[in-house]
Amino acid sequence: MRKIQLGEHRFTEVRVLDEPGTGGANHLYNICGGEDGSLFAHIEFQDGSIKENEINGCHQEDLLIVVLDRLQSFQRGEFGCRENALAITKIEEALHWLNHRTQDRQNRGVEGTSKQ
């Protein structure tokens, strides 16, 4: 297990549970917190290509969409602020570029495979 030391973790801790797989990425994460280290979220990312391994986990886009929805909800309420607006823009940009990569892979006929 490895702890991710990024940002401020006064209340929660992100833990990587597995070793990097194909492509160098990890697939299993826990988000824990509270005084007793309770498990708040367990995240399983896709492990291997979909065509070769079927769907076996979520994608980073899924988590970005969850955070985007949450920030947009804050913006519609009393907690709207410039910082949230900037974060929304950057998440939308990240989704744009990830989708651009997917489109490129579709156009080259390699989406869902281990081919680059």
N, C-alpha and C. Protein backbone atom coordinates (compact mmCIF):
# COMPACT_ATOMS: atom_id res chain seq x y z
N MET A 1 0.84 -1.18 0.00
CA MET A 1 0.00 0.00 0.00
C MET A 1 0.89 1.24 0.00
N ARG A 2 0.43 2.26 -0.73
CA ARG A 2 1.15 3.53 -0.81
C ARG A 2 0.16 4.65 -0.56
N LYS A 3 0.57 5.64 0.22
CA LYS A 3 -0.26 6.82 0.46
C LYS A 3 0.12 7.90 -0.54
N ILE A 4 -0.88 8.56 -1.10
CA ILE A 4 -0.62 9.66 -2.02
C ILE A 4 -0.45 10.93 -1.21
N GLN A 5 0.70 11.55 -1.35
CA GLN A 5 1.03 12.76 -0.60
C GLN A 5 0.89 13.98 -1.52
N LEU A 6 -0.33 14.32 -1.88
CA LEU A 6 -0.58 15.44 -2.76
C LEU A 6 -1.74 16.24 -2.18
N GLY A 7 -1.57 17.54 -2.08
CA GLY A 7 -2.62 18.36 -1.51
C GLY A 7 -2.64 18.28 0.00
N GLU A 8 -3.73 18.79 0.55
CA GLU A 8 -3.87 18.82 2.01
C GLU A 8 -4.77 17.68 2.45
N HIS A 9 -4.26 16.84 3.32
CA HIS A 9 -5.02 15.69 3.79
C HIS A 9 -5.20 15.75 5.30
N ARG A 10 -5.89 16.77 5.76
CA ARG A 10 -6.14 16.88 7.19
C ARG A 10 -7.24 15.92 7.63
N PHE A 11 -8.16 15.61 6.73
CA PHE A 11 -9.33 14.83 7.11
C PHE A 11 -9.43 13.49 6.40
N THR A 12 -8.78 13.36 5.26
CA THR A 12 -8.84 12.12 4.49
C THR A 12 -7.45 11.71 4.02
N GLU A 13 -7.37 10.46 3.58
CA GLU A 13 -6.11 9.91 3.08
C GLU A 13 -6.44 9.04 1.87
N VAL A 14 -5.68 9.23 0.79
CA VAL A 14 -5.86 8.41 -0.41
C VAL A 14 -4.77 7.34 -0.41
N ARG A 15 -5.20 6.09 -0.54
CA ARG A 15 -4.26 4.96 -0.51
C ARG A 15 -4.33 4.19 -1.82
N VAL A 16 -3.16 3.88 -2.37
CA VAL A 16 -3.05 3.03 -3.56
C VAL A 16 -2.86 1.60 -3.06
N LEU A 17 -3.69 0.68 -3.53
CA LEU A 17 -3.70 -0.67 -2.97
C LEU A 17 -2.96 -1.71 -3.80
N ASP A 18 -2.73 -1.42 -5.08
CA ASP A 18 -2.12 -2.44 -5.94
C ASP A 18 -0.84 -1.93 -6.59
N GLU A 19 -0.21 -2.81 -7.31
CA GLU A 19 0.99 -2.45 -8.07
C GLU A 19 0.57 -1.97 -9.45
N PRO A 20 1.38 -1.13 -10.08
CA PRO A 20 1.05 -0.69 -11.44
C PRO A 20 0.91 -1.88 -12.38
N GLY A 21 -0.05 -1.77 -13.28
CA GLY A 21 -0.28 -2.83 -14.26
C GLY A 21 0.16 -2.39 -15.64
N THR A 22 -0.49 -2.95 -16.65
CA THR A 22 -0.19 -2.60 -18.03
C THR A 22 -0.31 -1.10 -18.22
N GLY A 23 0.67 -0.49 -18.82
CA GLY A 23 0.63 0.95 -19.04
C GLY A 23 1.19 1.74 -17.87
N GLY A 24 1.50 1.08 -16.77
CA GLY A 24 2.12 1.76 -15.64
C GLY A 24 1.18 2.37 -14.62
N ALA A 25 -0.13 2.15 -14.77
CA ALA A 25 -1.10 2.78 -13.86
C ALA A 25 -1.59 1.79 -12.81
N ASN A 26 -1.93 2.33 -11.65
CA ASN A 26 -2.57 1.55 -10.60
C ASN A 26 -4.07 1.48 -10.87
N HIS A 27 -4.75 0.55 -10.20
CA HIS A 27 -6.17 0.33 -10.45
C HIS A 27 -7.05 0.38 -9.21
N LEU A 28 -6.47 0.20 -8.03
CA LEU A 28 -7.26 0.11 -6.80
C LEU A 28 -6.86 1.19 -5.82
N TYR A 29 -7.86 1.93 -5.35
CA TYR A 29 -7.63 3.04 -4.42
C TYR A 29 -8.68 3.01 -3.32
N ASN A 30 -8.29 3.42 -2.13
CA ASN A 30 -9.22 3.66 -1.04
C ASN A 30 -9.06 5.10 -0.58
N ILE A 31 -10.18 5.69 -0.20
CA ILE A 31 -10.17 7.00 0.45
C ILE A 31 -10.70 6.77 1.85
N CYS A 32 -9.86 7.05 2.83
CA CYS A 32 -10.18 6.79 4.24
C CYS A 32 -10.09 8.09 5.03
N GLY A 33 -10.68 8.07 6.20
CA GLY A 33 -10.58 9.26 7.03
C GLY A 33 -11.29 9.12 8.34
N GLY A 34 -11.45 10.25 8.98
CA GLY A 34 -12.03 10.24 10.31
C GLY A 34 -11.00 9.79 11.32
N GLU A 35 -11.36 9.89 12.56
CA GLU A 35 -10.42 9.51 13.61
C GLU A 35 -10.10 8.02 13.61
N ASP A 36 -11.04 7.21 13.09
CA ASP A 36 -10.82 5.76 13.09
C ASP A 36 -10.35 5.23 11.74
N GLY A 37 -10.11 6.12 10.78
CA GLY A 37 -9.64 5.68 9.46
C GLY A 37 -10.70 4.96 8.64
N SER A 38 -11.96 5.31 8.85
CA SER A 38 -13.07 4.66 8.14
C SER A 38 -12.89 4.74 6.63
N LEU A 39 -13.37 3.71 5.94
CA LEU A 39 -13.34 3.68 4.49
C LEU A 39 -14.51 4.50 3.96
N PHE A 40 -14.19 5.56 3.21
CA PHE A 40 -15.22 6.41 2.61
C PHE A 40 -15.52 6.00 1.17
N ALA A 41 -14.49 5.56 0.44
CA ALA A 41 -14.69 5.17 -0.96
C ALA A 41 -13.64 4.15 -1.37
N HIS A 42 -14.09 3.18 -2.14
CA HIS A 42 -13.18 2.21 -2.76
C HIS A 42 -13.35 2.39 -4.26
N ILE A 43 -12.26 2.62 -4.97
CA ILE A 43 -12.31 2.90 -6.40
C ILE A 43 -11.54 1.81 -7.14
N GLU A 44 -12.20 1.22 -8.13
CA GLU A 44 -11.57 0.22 -8.99
C GLU A 44 -11.60 0.74 -10.42
N PHE A 45 -10.41 1.02 -10.96
CA PHE A 45 -10.30 1.47 -12.34
C PHE A 45 -10.21 0.28 -13.28
N GLN A 46 -10.54 0.51 -14.54
CA GLN A 46 -10.39 -0.50 -15.58
C GLN A 46 -8.97 -1.05 -15.54
N ASP A 47 -8.88 -2.37 -15.53
CA ASP A 47 -7.57 -3.04 -15.52
C ASP A 47 -7.41 -3.75 -16.85
N GLY A 48 -6.60 -3.20 -17.73
CA GLY A 48 -6.41 -3.75 -19.07
C GLY A 48 -7.43 -3.18 -20.04
N SER A 49 -7.25 -3.51 -21.29
CA SER A 49 -8.14 -2.97 -22.32
C SER A 49 -9.52 -3.64 -22.24
N ILE A 50 -10.54 -2.90 -22.65
CA ILE A 50 -11.91 -3.42 -22.58
C ILE A 50 -12.11 -4.59 -23.54
N LYS A 51 -11.57 -4.48 -24.75
CA LYS A 51 -11.75 -5.57 -25.71
C LYS A 51 -11.07 -6.85 -25.26
N GLU A 52 -9.97 -6.72 -24.53
CA GLU A 52 -9.22 -7.89 -24.10
C GLU A 52 -9.61 -8.38 -22.71
N ASN A 53 -10.21 -7.50 -21.88
CA ASN A 53 -10.52 -7.85 -20.49
C ASN A 53 -11.96 -7.56 -20.08
N GLU A 54 -12.78 -7.12 -21.01
CA GLU A 54 -14.15 -6.68 -20.73
C GLU A 54 -14.12 -5.49 -19.77
N ILE A 55 -15.28 -4.98 -19.43
CA ILE A 55 -15.35 -3.85 -18.50
C ILE A 55 -15.22 -4.40 -17.09
N ASN A 56 -14.19 -3.94 -16.36
CA ASN A 56 -13.97 -4.44 -15.00
C ASN A 56 -13.71 -3.32 -14.00
N GLY A 57 -13.95 -2.08 -14.42
CA GLY A 57 -13.74 -0.96 -13.51
C GLY A 57 -14.16 0.35 -14.15
N CYS A 58 -14.08 1.41 -13.38
CA CYS A 58 -14.45 2.73 -13.88
C CYS A 58 -13.25 3.38 -14.58
N HIS A 59 -13.48 4.54 -15.14
CA HIS A 59 -12.44 5.29 -15.84
C HIS A 59 -12.22 6.62 -15.13
N GLN A 60 -11.05 7.22 -15.36
CA GLN A 60 -10.76 8.50 -14.71
C GLN A 60 -11.79 9.56 -15.10
N GLU A 61 -12.34 9.46 -16.32
CA GLU A 61 -13.37 10.41 -16.74
C GLU A 61 -14.58 10.34 -15.82
N ASP A 62 -14.92 9.15 -15.35
CA ASP A 62 -16.07 9.00 -14.45
C ASP A 62 -15.89 9.82 -13.17
N LEU A 63 -14.70 9.75 -12.60
CA LEU A 63 -14.45 10.50 -11.36
C LEU A 63 -14.40 12.00 -11.62
N LEU A 64 -13.83 12.39 -12.75
CA LEU A 64 -13.83 13.82 -13.10
C LEU A 64 -15.26 14.33 -13.25
N ILE A 65 -16.14 13.53 -13.84
CA ILE A 65 -17.54 13.93 -14.02
C ILE A 65 -18.23 14.07 -12.67
N VAL A 66 -17.94 13.19 -11.72
CA VAL A 66 -18.52 13.30 -10.38
C VAL A 66 -18.09 14.61 -9.72
N VAL A 67 -16.80 14.92 -9.78
CA VAL A 67 -16.29 16.15 -9.16
C VAL A 67 -16.85 17.37 -9.89
N LEU A 68 -16.94 17.31 -11.21
CA LEU A 68 -17.51 18.41 -11.99
C LEU A 68 -18.95 18.68 -11.56
N ASP A 69 -19.75 17.63 -11.45
CA ASP A 69 -21.14 17.79 -11.03
C ASP A 69 -21.24 18.42 -9.65
N ARG A 70 -20.39 17.99 -8.75
CA ARG A 70 -20.41 18.52 -7.38
C ARG A 70 -20.05 20.00 -7.36
N LEU A 71 -19.00 20.37 -8.08
CA LEU A 71 -18.60 21.78 -8.12
C LEU A 71 -19.66 22.64 -8.80
N GLN A 72 -20.27 22.14 -9.86
CA GLN A 72 -21.34 22.89 -10.52
C GLN A 72 -22.52 23.09 -9.58
N SER A 73 -22.80 22.10 -8.74
CA SER A 73 -23.87 22.23 -7.76
C SER A 73 -23.54 23.32 -6.74
N PHE A 74 -22.29 23.35 -6.27
CA PHE A 74 -21.89 24.43 -5.37
C PHE A 74 -22.04 25.79 -6.05
N GLN A 75 -21.69 25.87 -7.32
CA GLN A 75 -21.76 27.14 -8.04
C GLN A 75 -23.20 27.64 -8.15
N ARG A 76 -24.16 26.74 -8.21
CA ARG A 76 -25.57 27.13 -8.29
C ARG A 76 -26.12 27.55 -6.93
N GLY A 77 -25.41 27.22 -5.88
CA GLY A 77 -25.87 27.52 -4.53
C GLY A 77 -25.11 28.67 -3.91
N GLU A 78 -25.15 28.73 -2.60
CA GLU A 78 -24.53 29.85 -1.88
C GLU A 78 -23.01 29.74 -1.79
N PHE A 79 -22.43 28.64 -2.25
CA PHE A 79 -20.98 28.47 -2.15
C PHE A 79 -20.25 28.71 -3.46
N GLY A 80 -20.94 29.31 -4.43
CA GLY A 80 -20.28 29.64 -5.69
C GLY A 80 -19.15 30.64 -5.46
N CYS A 81 -18.04 30.44 -6.18
CA CYS A 81 -16.91 31.35 -6.04
C CYS A 81 -16.01 31.23 -7.27
N ARG A 82 -15.09 32.15 -7.39
CA ARG A 82 -14.16 32.19 -8.51
C ARG A 82 -13.32 30.92 -8.57
N GLU A 83 -12.85 30.46 -7.42
CA GLU A 83 -12.00 29.26 -7.39
C GLU A 83 -12.75 28.03 -7.92
N ASN A 84 -14.02 27.88 -7.53
CA ASN A 84 -14.81 26.77 -8.07
C ASN A 84 -14.97 26.90 -9.58
N ALA A 85 -15.24 28.13 -10.05
CA ALA A 85 -15.40 28.36 -11.48
C ALA A 85 -14.14 27.98 -12.24
N LEU A 86 -12.98 28.34 -11.70
CA LEU A 86 -11.72 27.98 -12.34
C LEU A 86 -11.50 26.47 -12.33
N ALA A 87 -11.82 25.82 -11.22
CA ALA A 87 -11.68 24.37 -11.13
C ALA A 87 -12.61 23.68 -12.14
N ILE A 88 -13.83 24.19 -12.28
CA ILE A 88 -14.78 23.65 -13.26
C ILE A 88 -14.19 23.74 -14.66
N THR A 89 -13.63 24.89 -14.99
CA THR A 89 -13.02 25.08 -16.31
C THR A 89 -11.91 24.08 -16.56
N LYS A 90 -11.06 23.88 -15.58
CA LYS A 90 -9.93 22.96 -15.74
C LYS A 90 -10.40 21.50 -15.86
N ILE A 91 -11.43 21.13 -15.10
CA ILE A 91 -11.96 19.77 -15.21
C ILE A 91 -12.59 19.57 -16.59
N GLU A 92 -13.34 20.58 -17.06
CA GLU A 92 -13.91 20.49 -18.41
C GLU A 92 -12.81 20.38 -19.45
N GLU A 93 -11.72 21.09 -19.26
CA GLU A 93 -10.58 21.01 -20.18
C GLU A 93 -9.95 19.61 -20.13
N ALA A 94 -9.79 19.07 -18.93
CA ALA A 94 -9.24 17.72 -18.80
C ALA A 94 -10.13 16.70 -19.52
N LEU A 95 -11.44 16.82 -19.35
CA LEU A 95 -12.37 15.91 -20.03
C LEU A 95 -12.28 16.08 -21.54
N HIS A 96 -12.13 17.31 -21.99
CA HIS A 96 -11.97 17.57 -23.43
C HIS A 96 -10.77 16.82 -23.99
N TRP A 97 -9.62 16.93 -23.32
CA TRP A 97 -8.40 16.31 -23.83
C TRP A 97 -8.45 14.79 -23.72
N LEU A 98 -9.06 14.27 -22.67
CA LEU A 98 -9.21 12.82 -22.57
C LEU A 98 -10.14 12.30 -23.67
N ASN A 99 -11.20 13.05 -23.97
CA ASN A 99 -12.10 12.68 -25.06
C ASN A 99 -11.38 12.79 -26.41
N HIS A 100 -10.54 13.81 -26.55
CA HIS A 100 -9.75 13.97 -27.78
C HIS A 100 -8.87 12.74 -28.00
N ARG A 101 -8.25 12.26 -26.94
CA ARG A 101 -7.42 11.06 -27.02
C ARG A 101 -8.26 9.86 -27.44
N THR A 102 -9.46 9.72 -26.85
CA THR A 102 -10.36 8.61 -27.20
C THR A 102 -10.75 8.69 -28.68
N GLN A 103 -11.11 9.89 -29.14
CA GLN A 103 -11.48 10.07 -30.54
C GLN A 103 -10.33 9.66 -31.46
N ASP A 104 -9.12 10.06 -31.10
CA ASP A 104 -7.94 9.70 -31.89
C ASP A 104 -7.77 8.19 -31.95
N ARG A 105 -7.94 7.53 -30.80
CA ARG A 105 -7.79 6.07 -30.76
C ARG A 105 -8.90 5.39 -31.57
N GLN A 106 -10.11 5.95 -31.54
CA GLN A 106 -11.20 5.41 -32.36
C GLN A 106 -10.87 5.54 -33.84
N ASN A 107 -10.40 6.72 -34.22
CA ASN A 107 -10.06 6.98 -35.62
C ASN A 107 -8.97 6.04 -36.13
N ARG A 108 -8.06 5.65 -35.25
CA ARG A 108 -6.96 4.75 -35.64
C ARG A 108 -7.32 3.28 -35.45
N GLY A 109 -8.53 3.01 -34.93
CA GLY A 109 -8.98 1.64 -34.76
C GLY A 109 -8.31 0.88 -33.62
N VAL A 110 -7.79 1.60 -32.63
CA VAL A 110 -7.10 0.93 -31.52
C VAL A 110 -7.79 1.15 -30.17
N GLU A 111 -8.93 1.84 -30.17
CA GLU A 111 -9.63 2.05 -28.90
C GLU A 111 -10.05 0.70 -28.31
N GLY A 112 -9.88 0.57 -27.00
CA GLY A 112 -10.26 -0.66 -26.31
C GLY A 112 -9.24 -1.77 -26.40
N THR A 113 -8.06 -1.45 -26.96
CA THR A 113 -6.99 -2.45 -27.07
C THR A 113 -5.75 -1.93 -26.35
N SER A 114 -4.74 -2.78 -26.27
CA SER A 114 -3.47 -2.39 -25.65
C SER A 114 -2.55 -1.69 -26.63
N LYS A 115 -2.97 -1.57 -27.87
CA LYS A 115 -2.12 -0.93 -28.89
C LYS A 115 -2.08 0.57 -28.67
N GLN A 116 -0.93 1.16 -29.00
CA GLN A 116 -0.80 2.62 -28.82
C GLN A 116 -1.29 3.38 -30.03
